[in-house]
Amino acid sequence: MFFLISLLIVLIIFLCLITIRVKIKIVNLEIDTLKGQGNYIKEDFFAIITIYILEKIPVWRLKITKERFQKIQTSNRLNKIKNKFNQKFIENKNDFDKDVFLLLYKFPTNLYDLDVNIEIGTESIMFTTFIVPVISTIIALLLKKYAKGKSQRFNVKPIYNEKNSLKLEFNGIFEIKMIHIINTICILKKKKGRVKKNVRTSNRRSYDYGYE
């Protein structure tokens, strides 16, 4: 009897974990590099992160305002994580291949009520003219792949001031499922294992040829 109860509890916990859904709602995000450092984000910006189990039942909610975001951005813990990630990326950059980037591109994410306005400029007018349609194409492809519903809007405009500048206005909702995160991590680990195995095999072959 005890075994059956324990097994049932484990199954319920497992079911709750694999059915976790994370919803991120971003409202009034505006980043404007022309306003100077410290004035990038609007005062009325906020983001709400909600975690659901069984995809429907909310169990955790966090609201991030401009003040909280700035505290997170300047925290020592976040800086340590960023530095550690950059170091890991530099050390393992040769292990990444196009399949990994394709896998990340195909990562299942749902987008709702997206409203994006981008104004971008560079020191080169020619490069600015080139990059605007490129960004527009990338956003259009992402919306076609991930957007749900018809309430999606984006606009990309050039800024011809011969300066590196960016103005971004963003509103929208992201949804990610835990099962997709677990699946992606497993595939990435499997690919990384194959890369290391191929490297070891290649090294052994080079030594074999070296002693002939």
N, C-alpha and C. Protein backbone atom coordinates (compact mmCIF):
# COMPACT_ATOMS: atom_id res chain seq x y z
N MET A 1 0.82 -1.21 0.00
CA MET A 1 0.00 0.00 0.00
C MET A 1 0.86 1.26 0.00
N PHE A 2 1.87 1.25 0.86
CA PHE A 2 2.79 2.39 0.93
C PHE A 2 3.49 2.60 -0.40
N PHE A 3 3.88 1.47 -1.04
CA PHE A 3 4.56 1.56 -2.34
C PHE A 3 3.66 2.20 -3.39
N LEU A 4 2.39 1.81 -3.41
CA LEU A 4 1.44 2.35 -4.38
C LEU A 4 1.22 3.84 -4.17
N ILE A 5 1.11 4.24 -2.89
CA ILE A 5 0.93 5.67 -2.59
C ILE A 5 2.16 6.47 -3.02
N SER A 6 3.35 5.94 -2.74
CA SER A 6 4.59 6.60 -3.13
C SER A 6 4.69 6.72 -4.64
N LEU A 7 4.34 5.62 -5.34
CA LEU A 7 4.37 5.64 -6.79
C LEU A 7 3.39 6.66 -7.35
N LEU A 8 2.22 6.76 -6.75
CA LEU A 8 1.21 7.72 -7.19
C LEU A 8 1.70 9.15 -7.00
N ILE A 9 2.34 9.41 -5.87
CA ILE A 9 2.88 10.75 -5.60
C ILE A 9 3.96 11.12 -6.62
N VAL A 10 4.85 10.15 -6.91
CA VAL A 10 5.91 10.38 -7.88
C VAL A 10 5.32 10.66 -9.26
N LEU A 11 4.30 9.92 -9.65
CA LEU A 11 3.66 10.12 -10.95
C LEU A 11 2.99 11.48 -11.04
N ILE A 12 2.35 11.91 -9.93
CA ILE A 12 1.70 13.22 -9.92
C ILE A 12 2.74 14.33 -10.05
N ILE A 13 3.85 14.20 -9.31
CA ILE A 13 4.93 15.20 -9.39
C ILE A 13 5.51 15.25 -10.80
N PHE A 14 5.75 14.06 -11.38
CA PHE A 14 6.29 13.99 -12.74
C PHE A 14 5.33 14.62 -13.74
N LEU A 15 4.04 14.35 -13.58
CA LEU A 15 3.04 14.92 -14.48
C LEU A 15 2.99 16.44 -14.37
N CYS A 16 3.10 16.93 -13.14
CA CYS A 16 3.10 18.38 -12.93
C CYS A 16 4.32 19.03 -13.58
N LEU A 17 5.47 18.36 -13.46
CA LEU A 17 6.71 18.92 -14.02
C LEU A 17 6.67 19.00 -15.54
N ILE A 18 6.24 17.92 -16.19
CA ILE A 18 6.28 17.90 -17.66
C ILE A 18 5.16 18.72 -18.28
N THR A 19 4.17 19.11 -17.47
CA THR A 19 3.08 19.94 -18.00
C THR A 19 3.22 21.40 -17.59
N ILE A 20 4.39 21.78 -17.09
CA ILE A 20 4.62 23.19 -16.72
C ILE A 20 4.60 24.05 -17.97
N ARG A 21 3.91 25.17 -17.88
CA ARG A 21 3.85 26.15 -18.97
C ARG A 21 4.24 27.50 -18.40
N VAL A 22 5.20 28.17 -19.06
CA VAL A 22 5.68 29.48 -18.60
C VAL A 22 5.15 30.54 -19.56
N LYS A 23 4.47 31.51 -18.99
CA LYS A 23 3.91 32.60 -19.79
C LYS A 23 4.58 33.91 -19.38
N ILE A 24 5.14 34.62 -20.36
CA ILE A 24 5.83 35.89 -20.11
C ILE A 24 5.11 36.99 -20.89
N LYS A 25 4.54 37.91 -20.17
CA LYS A 25 3.82 39.03 -20.79
C LYS A 25 4.65 40.30 -20.62
N ILE A 26 4.98 40.94 -21.73
CA ILE A 26 5.79 42.16 -21.71
C ILE A 26 4.94 43.33 -22.19
N VAL A 27 4.89 44.38 -21.38
CA VAL A 27 4.05 45.54 -21.69
C VAL A 27 4.90 46.82 -21.66
N ASN A 28 4.78 47.60 -22.73
CA ASN A 28 5.43 48.92 -22.83
C ASN A 28 6.94 48.87 -22.67
N LEU A 29 7.56 47.87 -23.27
CA LEU A 29 9.02 47.85 -23.29
C LEU A 29 9.50 48.79 -24.38
N GLU A 30 10.26 49.78 -23.98
CA GLU A 30 10.84 50.72 -24.95
C GLU A 30 12.30 50.93 -24.61
N ILE A 31 13.16 50.64 -25.56
CA ILE A 31 14.60 50.85 -25.40
C ILE A 31 15.04 51.89 -26.42
N ASP A 32 15.60 52.97 -25.93
CA ASP A 32 16.02 54.06 -26.83
C ASP A 32 17.43 54.48 -26.46
N THR A 33 18.39 54.10 -27.30
CA THR A 33 19.80 54.40 -27.00
C THR A 33 20.13 55.87 -27.17
N LEU A 34 19.27 56.63 -27.85
CA LEU A 34 19.53 58.06 -28.06
C LEU A 34 19.21 58.89 -26.81
N LYS A 35 18.53 58.27 -25.84
CA LYS A 35 18.18 59.00 -24.62
C LYS A 35 19.29 59.00 -23.60
N GLY A 36 20.33 58.23 -23.85
CA GLY A 36 21.45 58.20 -22.92
C GLY A 36 21.35 57.07 -21.93
N GLN A 37 22.48 56.71 -21.34
CA GLN A 37 22.54 55.59 -20.41
C GLN A 37 21.68 55.86 -19.18
N GLY A 38 20.93 54.84 -18.77
CA GLY A 38 20.07 54.97 -17.62
C GLY A 38 18.65 55.37 -17.97
N ASN A 39 18.40 55.76 -19.22
CA ASN A 39 17.06 56.16 -19.63
C ASN A 39 16.53 55.28 -20.76
N TYR A 40 17.06 54.07 -20.85
CA TYR A 40 16.68 53.17 -21.93
C TYR A 40 15.23 52.68 -21.79
N ILE A 41 14.77 52.47 -20.58
CA ILE A 41 13.50 51.78 -20.35
C ILE A 41 12.44 52.78 -19.85
N LYS A 42 11.23 52.68 -20.38
CA LYS A 42 10.15 53.56 -19.98
C LYS A 42 9.71 53.29 -18.54
N GLU A 43 9.19 54.32 -17.92
CA GLU A 43 8.76 54.21 -16.52
C GLU A 43 7.60 53.23 -16.36
N ASP A 44 6.71 53.16 -17.37
CA ASP A 44 5.52 52.30 -17.24
C ASP A 44 5.74 50.89 -17.79
N PHE A 45 6.99 50.55 -18.03
CA PHE A 45 7.29 49.18 -18.47
C PHE A 45 7.05 48.19 -17.33
N PHE A 46 6.51 47.02 -17.67
CA PHE A 46 6.45 45.92 -16.72
C PHE A 46 6.33 44.60 -17.47
N ALA A 47 6.74 43.55 -16.82
CA ALA A 47 6.62 42.19 -17.37
C ALA A 47 6.05 41.29 -16.28
N ILE A 48 5.21 40.37 -16.69
CA ILE A 48 4.60 39.43 -15.75
C ILE A 48 4.97 38.01 -16.18
N ILE A 49 5.60 37.27 -15.27
CA ILE A 49 5.97 35.88 -15.52
C ILE A 49 5.03 34.99 -14.69
N THR A 50 4.32 34.10 -15.37
CA THR A 50 3.39 33.21 -14.69
C THR A 50 3.73 31.77 -15.04
N ILE A 51 3.77 30.91 -14.01
CA ILE A 51 4.03 29.49 -14.22
C ILE A 51 2.75 28.70 -13.93
N TYR A 52 2.39 27.84 -14.88
CA TYR A 52 1.21 27.00 -14.74
C TYR A 52 1.63 25.53 -14.65
N ILE A 53 0.88 24.75 -13.87
CA ILE A 53 1.02 23.30 -13.92
C ILE A 53 -0.23 22.72 -14.56
N LEU A 54 -0.08 21.56 -15.16
CA LEU A 54 -1.15 20.95 -15.94
C LEU A 54 -1.64 21.92 -17.01
N GLU A 55 -0.75 22.87 -17.40
CA GLU A 55 -0.94 23.86 -18.45
C GLU A 55 -2.07 24.85 -18.18
N LYS A 56 -2.79 24.71 -17.07
CA LYS A 56 -3.94 25.58 -16.82
C LYS A 56 -3.93 26.23 -15.44
N ILE A 57 -3.30 25.56 -14.46
CA ILE A 57 -3.41 26.01 -13.07
C ILE A 57 -2.22 26.90 -12.71
N PRO A 58 -2.44 28.20 -12.44
CA PRO A 58 -1.32 29.08 -12.07
C PRO A 58 -0.82 28.79 -10.66
N VAL A 59 0.49 28.65 -10.51
CA VAL A 59 1.07 28.34 -9.19
C VAL A 59 2.10 29.38 -8.75
N TRP A 60 2.56 30.24 -9.67
CA TRP A 60 3.59 31.22 -9.31
C TRP A 60 3.49 32.40 -10.27
N ARG A 61 3.65 33.61 -9.73
CA ARG A 61 3.52 34.82 -10.54
C ARG A 61 4.52 35.86 -10.05
N LEU A 62 5.20 36.50 -10.99
CA LEU A 62 6.17 37.54 -10.65
C LEU A 62 5.98 38.72 -11.59
N LYS A 63 5.88 39.91 -11.00
CA LYS A 63 5.78 41.13 -11.80
C LYS A 63 7.10 41.87 -11.73
N ILE A 64 7.65 42.20 -12.88
CA ILE A 64 8.93 42.91 -12.97
C ILE A 64 8.67 44.31 -13.49
N THR A 65 8.99 45.31 -12.67
CA THR A 65 8.89 46.71 -13.08
C THR A 65 10.26 47.21 -13.52
N LYS A 66 10.32 48.47 -13.93
CA LYS A 66 11.58 49.05 -14.36
C LYS A 66 12.61 49.00 -13.24
N GLU A 67 12.19 49.35 -12.01
CA GLU A 67 13.11 49.37 -10.88
C GLU A 67 13.67 47.97 -10.57
N ARG A 68 12.77 46.99 -10.57
CA ARG A 68 13.21 45.62 -10.30
C ARG A 68 14.12 45.10 -11.41
N PHE A 69 13.79 45.45 -12.66
CA PHE A 69 14.61 45.02 -13.79
C PHE A 69 16.02 45.60 -13.68
N GLN A 70 16.13 46.87 -13.31
CA GLN A 70 17.44 47.50 -13.18
C GLN A 70 18.25 46.89 -12.03
N LYS A 71 17.57 46.49 -10.94
CA LYS A 71 18.26 45.83 -9.84
C LYS A 71 18.80 44.47 -10.28
N ILE A 72 17.97 43.72 -11.04
CA ILE A 72 18.41 42.42 -11.55
C ILE A 72 19.58 42.59 -12.50
N GLN A 73 19.48 43.63 -13.36
CA GLN A 73 20.51 43.87 -14.38
C GLN A 73 21.86 44.18 -13.76
N THR A 74 21.87 44.86 -12.62
CA THR A 74 23.13 45.27 -11.99
C THR A 74 23.57 44.35 -10.85
N SER A 75 22.83 43.27 -10.61
CA SER A 75 23.17 42.39 -9.50
C SER A 75 24.46 41.62 -9.77
N ASN A 76 25.21 41.36 -8.72
CA ASN A 76 26.48 40.62 -8.84
C ASN A 76 26.24 39.20 -9.32
N ARG A 77 25.15 38.58 -8.86
CA ARG A 77 24.85 37.21 -9.25
C ARG A 77 24.64 37.11 -10.77
N LEU A 78 23.88 38.08 -11.34
CA LEU A 78 23.64 38.07 -12.77
C LEU A 78 24.93 38.29 -13.55
N ASN A 79 25.78 39.19 -13.06
CA ASN A 79 27.06 39.44 -13.73
C ASN A 79 27.95 38.19 -13.72
N LYS A 80 27.91 37.45 -12.60
CA LYS A 80 28.69 36.21 -12.52
C LYS A 80 28.18 35.18 -13.53
N ILE A 81 26.85 35.08 -13.64
CA ILE A 81 26.25 34.14 -14.59
C ILE A 81 26.62 34.53 -16.02
N LYS A 82 26.55 35.83 -16.33
CA LYS A 82 26.89 36.32 -17.68
C LYS A 82 28.35 36.03 -18.00
N ASN A 83 29.25 36.30 -17.04
CA ASN A 83 30.67 36.06 -17.27
C ASN A 83 30.96 34.57 -17.45
N LYS A 84 30.29 33.74 -16.64
CA LYS A 84 30.47 32.30 -16.75
C LYS A 84 29.98 31.78 -18.09
N PHE A 85 28.82 32.31 -18.54
CA PHE A 85 28.28 31.90 -19.84
C PHE A 85 29.21 32.32 -20.97
N ASN A 86 29.72 33.55 -20.92
CA ASN A 86 30.63 34.02 -21.97
C ASN A 86 31.89 33.18 -22.02
N GLN A 87 32.42 32.82 -20.83
CA GLN A 87 33.62 31.99 -20.78
C GLN A 87 33.36 30.60 -21.36
N LYS A 88 32.21 30.01 -20.99
CA LYS A 88 31.85 28.69 -21.51
C LYS A 88 31.69 28.73 -23.02
N PHE A 89 31.05 29.81 -23.51
CA PHE A 89 30.82 29.92 -24.96
C PHE A 89 32.14 30.03 -25.71
N ILE A 90 33.08 30.84 -25.17
CA ILE A 90 34.38 31.00 -25.83
C ILE A 90 35.15 29.68 -25.83
N GLU A 91 35.09 28.95 -24.69
CA GLU A 91 35.82 27.69 -24.58
C GLU A 91 35.25 26.61 -25.50
N ASN A 92 33.92 26.63 -25.71
CA ASN A 92 33.27 25.55 -26.46
C ASN A 92 32.70 26.01 -27.79
N LYS A 93 33.15 27.15 -28.29
CA LYS A 93 32.54 27.67 -29.53
C LYS A 93 32.78 26.75 -30.71
N ASN A 94 33.87 25.98 -30.68
CA ASN A 94 34.14 25.06 -31.79
C ASN A 94 33.22 23.84 -31.77
N ASP A 95 32.57 23.61 -30.60
CA ASP A 95 31.66 22.47 -30.50
C ASP A 95 30.28 22.76 -31.09
N PHE A 96 29.98 24.04 -31.34
CA PHE A 96 28.68 24.39 -31.88
C PHE A 96 28.70 24.20 -33.39
N ASP A 97 27.62 23.66 -33.92
CA ASP A 97 27.50 23.51 -35.35
C ASP A 97 26.15 24.04 -35.79
N LYS A 98 25.92 23.99 -37.10
CA LYS A 98 24.67 24.57 -37.63
C LYS A 98 23.45 23.81 -37.14
N ASP A 99 23.60 22.52 -36.81
CA ASP A 99 22.46 21.75 -36.31
C ASP A 99 21.97 22.28 -34.98
N VAL A 100 22.91 22.74 -34.13
CA VAL A 100 22.53 23.29 -32.83
C VAL A 100 21.73 24.58 -33.01
N PHE A 101 22.20 25.45 -33.92
CA PHE A 101 21.49 26.70 -34.16
C PHE A 101 20.13 26.44 -34.79
N LEU A 102 20.06 25.46 -35.67
CA LEU A 102 18.76 25.10 -36.27
C LEU A 102 17.81 24.57 -35.21
N LEU A 103 18.34 23.80 -34.26
CA LEU A 103 17.51 23.27 -33.18
C LEU A 103 16.96 24.39 -32.31
N LEU A 104 17.82 25.37 -31.98
CA LEU A 104 17.37 26.51 -31.19
C LEU A 104 16.35 27.35 -31.96
N TYR A 105 16.54 27.46 -33.28
CA TYR A 105 15.58 28.20 -34.10
C TYR A 105 14.22 27.51 -34.10
N LYS A 106 14.24 26.18 -34.10
CA LYS A 106 12.99 25.41 -34.15
C LYS A 106 12.37 25.21 -32.77
N PHE A 107 12.99 25.79 -31.73
CA PHE A 107 12.48 25.60 -30.38
C PHE A 107 11.03 26.08 -30.30
N PRO A 108 10.11 25.21 -29.87
CA PRO A 108 8.68 25.57 -29.88
C PRO A 108 8.35 26.69 -28.89
N THR A 109 8.02 27.84 -29.40
CA THR A 109 7.61 28.99 -28.60
C THR A 109 6.37 29.61 -29.24
N ASN A 110 5.39 29.93 -28.43
CA ASN A 110 4.19 30.58 -28.95
C ASN A 110 4.24 32.07 -28.66
N LEU A 111 3.87 32.87 -29.65
CA LEU A 111 3.83 34.32 -29.51
C LEU A 111 2.40 34.80 -29.70
N TYR A 112 1.97 35.70 -28.81
CA TYR A 112 0.62 36.23 -28.89
C TYR A 112 0.65 37.75 -28.80
N ASP A 113 -0.28 38.39 -29.49
CA ASP A 113 -0.50 39.84 -29.38
C ASP A 113 0.79 40.63 -29.54
N LEU A 114 1.56 40.28 -30.53
CA LEU A 114 2.87 40.91 -30.72
C LEU A 114 2.71 42.26 -31.41
N ASP A 115 3.39 43.27 -30.85
CA ASP A 115 3.41 44.61 -31.42
C ASP A 115 4.83 45.14 -31.30
N VAL A 116 5.55 45.19 -32.41
CA VAL A 116 6.97 45.55 -32.40
C VAL A 116 7.22 46.71 -33.36
N ASN A 117 7.89 47.73 -32.84
CA ASN A 117 8.35 48.86 -33.67
C ASN A 117 9.85 49.02 -33.46
N ILE A 118 10.59 49.02 -34.55
CA ILE A 118 12.05 49.14 -34.47
C ILE A 118 12.51 50.27 -35.37
N GLU A 119 13.34 51.14 -34.82
CA GLU A 119 14.04 52.15 -35.60
C GLU A 119 15.53 51.94 -35.36
N ILE A 120 16.28 51.75 -36.42
CA ILE A 120 17.70 51.40 -36.27
C ILE A 120 18.55 52.21 -37.22
N GLY A 121 19.71 52.59 -36.74
CA GLY A 121 20.66 53.32 -37.56
C GLY A 121 22.08 52.91 -37.25
N THR A 122 22.97 53.06 -38.22
CA THR A 122 24.38 52.75 -38.03
C THR A 122 25.22 53.91 -38.54
N GLU A 123 26.52 53.79 -38.36
CA GLU A 123 27.42 54.85 -38.82
C GLU A 123 27.48 54.90 -40.34
N SER A 124 27.08 53.80 -40.99
CA SER A 124 27.10 53.73 -42.46
C SER A 124 25.67 53.77 -42.98
N ILE A 125 25.36 54.73 -43.82
CA ILE A 125 24.03 54.84 -44.42
C ILE A 125 23.74 53.63 -45.30
N MET A 126 24.76 53.15 -46.02
CA MET A 126 24.57 51.98 -46.89
C MET A 126 24.23 50.74 -46.06
N PHE A 127 24.95 50.57 -44.95
CA PHE A 127 24.68 49.40 -44.10
C PHE A 127 23.30 49.50 -43.45
N THR A 128 22.91 50.70 -43.06
CA THR A 128 21.57 50.90 -42.50
C THR A 128 20.50 50.51 -43.51
N THR A 129 20.69 50.94 -44.76
CA THR A 129 19.74 50.61 -45.83
C THR A 129 19.67 49.11 -46.05
N PHE A 130 20.80 48.42 -45.86
CA PHE A 130 20.84 46.97 -46.07
C PHE A 130 20.21 46.21 -44.91
N ILE A 131 20.48 46.65 -43.67
CA ILE A 131 20.09 45.86 -42.50
C ILE A 131 18.60 45.93 -42.20
N VAL A 132 17.94 47.02 -42.59
CA VAL A 132 16.50 47.17 -42.29
C VAL A 132 15.67 46.07 -42.95
N PRO A 133 15.79 45.81 -44.26
CA PRO A 133 15.01 44.70 -44.85
C PRO A 133 15.41 43.33 -44.31
N VAL A 134 16.68 43.17 -43.90
CA VAL A 134 17.11 41.90 -43.32
C VAL A 134 16.38 41.64 -42.00
N ILE A 135 16.33 42.65 -41.15
CA ILE A 135 15.62 42.51 -39.86
C ILE A 135 14.14 42.27 -40.10
N SER A 136 13.57 42.98 -41.06
CA SER A 136 12.14 42.80 -41.38
C SER A 136 11.86 41.38 -41.82
N THR A 137 12.75 40.81 -42.64
CA THR A 137 12.57 39.44 -43.12
C THR A 137 12.66 38.44 -41.98
N ILE A 138 13.64 38.63 -41.09
CA ILE A 138 13.82 37.72 -39.96
C ILE A 138 12.58 37.75 -39.06
N ILE A 139 12.09 38.94 -38.75
CA ILE A 139 10.90 39.05 -37.90
C ILE A 139 9.70 38.41 -38.56
N ALA A 140 9.54 38.62 -39.87
CA ALA A 140 8.42 38.03 -40.60
C ALA A 140 8.47 36.50 -40.54
N LEU A 141 9.67 35.94 -40.68
CA LEU A 141 9.83 34.48 -40.62
C LEU A 141 9.50 33.95 -39.22
N LEU A 142 9.97 34.67 -38.19
CA LEU A 142 9.70 34.25 -36.81
C LEU A 142 8.20 34.31 -36.51
N LEU A 143 7.54 35.36 -36.98
CA LEU A 143 6.10 35.48 -36.75
C LEU A 143 5.33 34.37 -37.47
N LYS A 144 5.77 34.09 -38.69
CA LYS A 144 5.11 33.03 -39.45
C LYS A 144 5.24 31.69 -38.75
N LYS A 145 6.37 31.48 -38.08
CA LYS A 145 6.63 30.19 -37.45
C LYS A 145 6.00 30.08 -36.05
N TYR A 146 6.06 31.17 -35.26
CA TYR A 146 5.69 31.08 -33.85
C TYR A 146 4.42 31.83 -33.46
N ALA A 147 3.99 32.79 -34.25
CA ALA A 147 2.86 33.63 -33.84
C ALA A 147 1.55 32.86 -33.90
N LYS A 148 0.71 33.09 -32.90
CA LYS A 148 -0.62 32.49 -32.84
C LYS A 148 -1.66 33.61 -32.89
N GLY A 149 -2.69 33.41 -33.68
CA GLY A 149 -3.72 34.44 -33.81
C GLY A 149 -3.35 35.47 -34.86
N LYS A 150 -4.25 36.40 -35.09
CA LYS A 150 -4.06 37.40 -36.15
C LYS A 150 -3.61 38.76 -35.63
N SER A 151 -3.56 38.92 -34.32
CA SER A 151 -3.21 40.22 -33.75
C SER A 151 -1.69 40.34 -33.62
N GLN A 152 -1.00 40.43 -34.76
CA GLN A 152 0.45 40.56 -34.79
C GLN A 152 0.82 41.75 -35.67
N ARG A 153 1.73 42.59 -35.20
CA ARG A 153 2.11 43.77 -35.98
C ARG A 153 3.57 44.10 -35.73
N PHE A 154 4.30 44.43 -36.80
CA PHE A 154 5.68 44.90 -36.63
C PHE A 154 6.01 45.92 -37.71
N ASN A 155 6.95 46.79 -37.37
CA ASN A 155 7.37 47.84 -38.28
C ASN A 155 8.84 48.13 -38.04
N VAL A 156 9.63 48.16 -39.09
CA VAL A 156 11.07 48.44 -38.99
C VAL A 156 11.40 49.64 -39.88
N LYS A 157 12.02 50.66 -39.29
CA LYS A 157 12.36 51.88 -40.02
C LYS A 157 13.84 52.21 -39.86
N PRO A 158 14.44 52.82 -40.86
CA PRO A 158 15.85 53.23 -40.74
C PRO A 158 15.96 54.61 -40.07
N ILE A 159 17.09 54.82 -39.40
CA ILE A 159 17.45 56.15 -38.88
C ILE A 159 18.74 56.57 -39.58
N TYR A 160 18.66 57.62 -40.36
CA TYR A 160 19.84 58.07 -41.12
C TYR A 160 20.51 59.23 -40.39
N ASN A 161 21.15 58.92 -39.26
CA ASN A 161 21.87 59.96 -38.51
C ASN A 161 23.36 59.67 -38.41
N GLU A 162 23.81 58.62 -39.12
CA GLU A 162 25.22 58.22 -39.13
C GLU A 162 25.74 57.96 -37.71
N LYS A 163 24.86 57.37 -36.89
CA LYS A 163 25.23 56.95 -35.54
C LYS A 163 24.68 55.55 -35.29
N ASN A 164 25.34 54.80 -34.39
CA ASN A 164 24.80 53.50 -33.99
C ASN A 164 23.67 53.74 -32.99
N SER A 165 22.46 53.59 -33.43
CA SER A 165 21.31 53.92 -32.58
C SER A 165 20.21 52.88 -32.76
N LEU A 166 19.43 52.72 -31.69
CA LEU A 166 18.34 51.76 -31.73
C LEU A 166 17.19 52.25 -30.87
N LYS A 167 16.00 52.20 -31.43
CA LYS A 167 14.78 52.46 -30.67
C LYS A 167 13.86 51.27 -30.87
N LEU A 168 13.51 50.62 -29.77
CA LEU A 168 12.68 49.42 -29.83
C LEU A 168 11.46 49.60 -28.94
N GLU A 169 10.29 49.38 -29.49
CA GLU A 169 9.05 49.35 -28.73
C GLU A 169 8.44 47.96 -28.88
N PHE A 170 8.15 47.33 -27.73
CA PHE A 170 7.71 45.93 -27.78
C PHE A 170 6.58 45.69 -26.80
N ASN A 171 5.55 45.01 -27.29
CA ASN A 171 4.47 44.47 -26.46
C ASN A 171 4.18 43.06 -26.98
N GLY A 172 3.98 42.13 -26.08
CA GLY A 172 3.67 40.79 -26.55
C GLY A 172 3.72 39.76 -25.43
N ILE A 173 3.35 38.55 -25.80
CA ILE A 173 3.29 37.43 -24.85
C ILE A 173 4.06 36.24 -25.42
N PHE A 174 4.94 35.65 -24.59
CA PHE A 174 5.65 34.43 -24.94
C PHE A 174 5.11 33.28 -24.10
N GLU A 175 5.03 32.11 -24.68
CA GLU A 175 4.67 30.91 -23.93
C GLU A 175 5.63 29.78 -24.27
N ILE A 176 6.15 29.15 -23.22
CA ILE A 176 7.10 28.04 -23.38
C ILE A 176 6.63 26.88 -22.51
N LYS A 177 6.75 25.66 -23.03
CA LYS A 177 6.36 24.47 -22.27
C LYS A 177 7.61 23.73 -21.79
N MET A 178 7.55 23.24 -20.56
CA MET A 178 8.69 22.57 -19.95
C MET A 178 9.10 21.33 -20.73
N ILE A 179 8.16 20.60 -21.28
CA ILE A 179 8.47 19.38 -22.02
C ILE A 179 9.36 19.69 -23.22
N HIS A 180 9.15 20.86 -23.83
CA HIS A 180 9.97 21.27 -24.97
C HIS A 180 11.37 21.65 -24.53
N ILE A 181 11.47 22.29 -23.35
CA ILE A 181 12.79 22.65 -22.81
C ILE A 181 13.59 21.39 -22.51
N ILE A 182 12.95 20.41 -21.85
CA ILE A 182 13.62 19.15 -21.51
C ILE A 182 14.07 18.43 -22.78
N ASN A 183 13.21 18.39 -23.77
CA ASN A 183 13.53 17.72 -25.03
C ASN A 183 14.71 18.38 -25.72
N THR A 184 14.73 19.73 -25.73
CA THR A 184 15.83 20.47 -26.37
C THR A 184 17.15 20.22 -25.64
N ILE A 185 17.12 20.23 -24.30
CA ILE A 185 18.34 19.98 -23.52
C ILE A 185 18.88 18.58 -23.80
N CYS A 186 17.99 17.60 -23.88
CA CYS A 186 18.43 16.22 -24.15
C CYS A 186 19.07 16.11 -25.52
N ILE A 187 18.48 16.77 -26.52
CA ILE A 187 19.03 16.71 -27.88
C ILE A 187 20.38 17.40 -27.94
N LEU A 188 20.52 18.57 -27.26
CA LEU A 188 21.79 19.29 -27.26
C LEU A 188 22.88 18.47 -26.58
N LYS A 189 22.54 17.80 -25.47
CA LYS A 189 23.53 16.96 -24.77
C LYS A 189 23.95 15.78 -25.64
N LYS A 190 22.99 15.23 -26.36
CA LYS A 190 23.28 14.11 -27.24
C LYS A 190 24.21 14.53 -28.37
N LYS A 191 23.94 15.73 -28.93
CA LYS A 191 24.79 16.24 -30.01
C LYS A 191 26.19 16.56 -29.49
N LYS A 192 26.26 17.12 -28.27
CA LYS A 192 27.56 17.44 -27.69
C LYS A 192 28.37 16.17 -27.45
N GLY A 193 27.69 15.11 -27.00
CA GLY A 193 28.37 13.83 -26.79
C GLY A 193 28.92 13.26 -28.09
N ARG A 194 28.15 13.41 -29.18
CA ARG A 194 28.62 12.93 -30.48
C ARG A 194 29.84 13.71 -30.94
N VAL A 195 29.83 15.04 -30.71
CA VAL A 195 30.97 15.88 -31.12
C VAL A 195 32.23 15.44 -30.39
N LYS A 196 32.12 15.24 -29.06
CA LYS A 196 33.29 14.82 -28.28
C LYS A 196 33.79 13.45 -28.71
N LYS A 197 32.86 12.55 -29.03
CA LYS A 197 33.24 11.21 -29.47
C LYS A 197 33.98 11.27 -30.80
N ASN A 198 33.48 12.12 -31.71
CA ASN A 198 34.12 12.26 -33.02
C ASN A 198 35.51 12.88 -32.89
N VAL A 199 35.67 13.83 -31.93
CA VAL A 199 36.97 14.46 -31.70
C VAL A 199 37.97 13.42 -31.20
N ARG A 200 37.54 12.57 -30.24
CA ARG A 200 38.44 11.53 -29.72
C ARG A 200 38.83 10.55 -30.81
N THR A 201 37.86 10.16 -31.65
CA THR A 201 38.14 9.24 -32.75
C THR A 201 39.13 9.84 -33.72
N SER A 202 38.95 11.13 -34.03
CA SER A 202 39.85 11.82 -34.95
C SER A 202 41.26 11.88 -34.39
N ASN A 203 41.39 12.14 -33.07
CA ASN A 203 42.71 12.21 -32.45
C ASN A 203 43.41 10.87 -32.51
N ARG A 204 42.66 9.80 -32.24
CA ARG A 204 43.27 8.47 -32.29
C ARG A 204 43.78 8.16 -33.69
N ARG A 205 43.01 8.54 -34.71
CA ARG A 205 43.43 8.27 -36.08
C ARG A 205 44.69 9.06 -36.42
N SER A 206 44.78 10.30 -35.97
CA SER A 206 45.96 11.11 -36.28
C SER A 206 47.21 10.50 -35.64
N TYR A 207 47.07 9.97 -34.39
CA TYR A 207 48.22 9.31 -33.75
C TYR A 207 48.61 8.04 -34.50
N ASP A 208 47.61 7.27 -35.00
CA ASP A 208 47.90 6.04 -35.73
C ASP A 208 48.72 6.37 -36.97
N TYR A 209 48.30 7.40 -37.70
CA TYR A 209 49.04 7.77 -38.90
C TYR A 209 50.42 8.32 -38.57
N GLY A 210 50.54 8.95 -37.42
CA GLY A 210 51.83 9.56 -37.06
C GLY A 210 52.90 8.52 -36.77
N TYR A 211 52.52 7.32 -36.35
CA TYR A 211 53.52 6.31 -36.01
C TYR A 211 53.77 5.30 -37.11
N GLU A 212 53.13 5.48 -38.24
CA GLU A 212 53.39 4.55 -39.35
C GLU A 212 54.70 4.84 -40.03
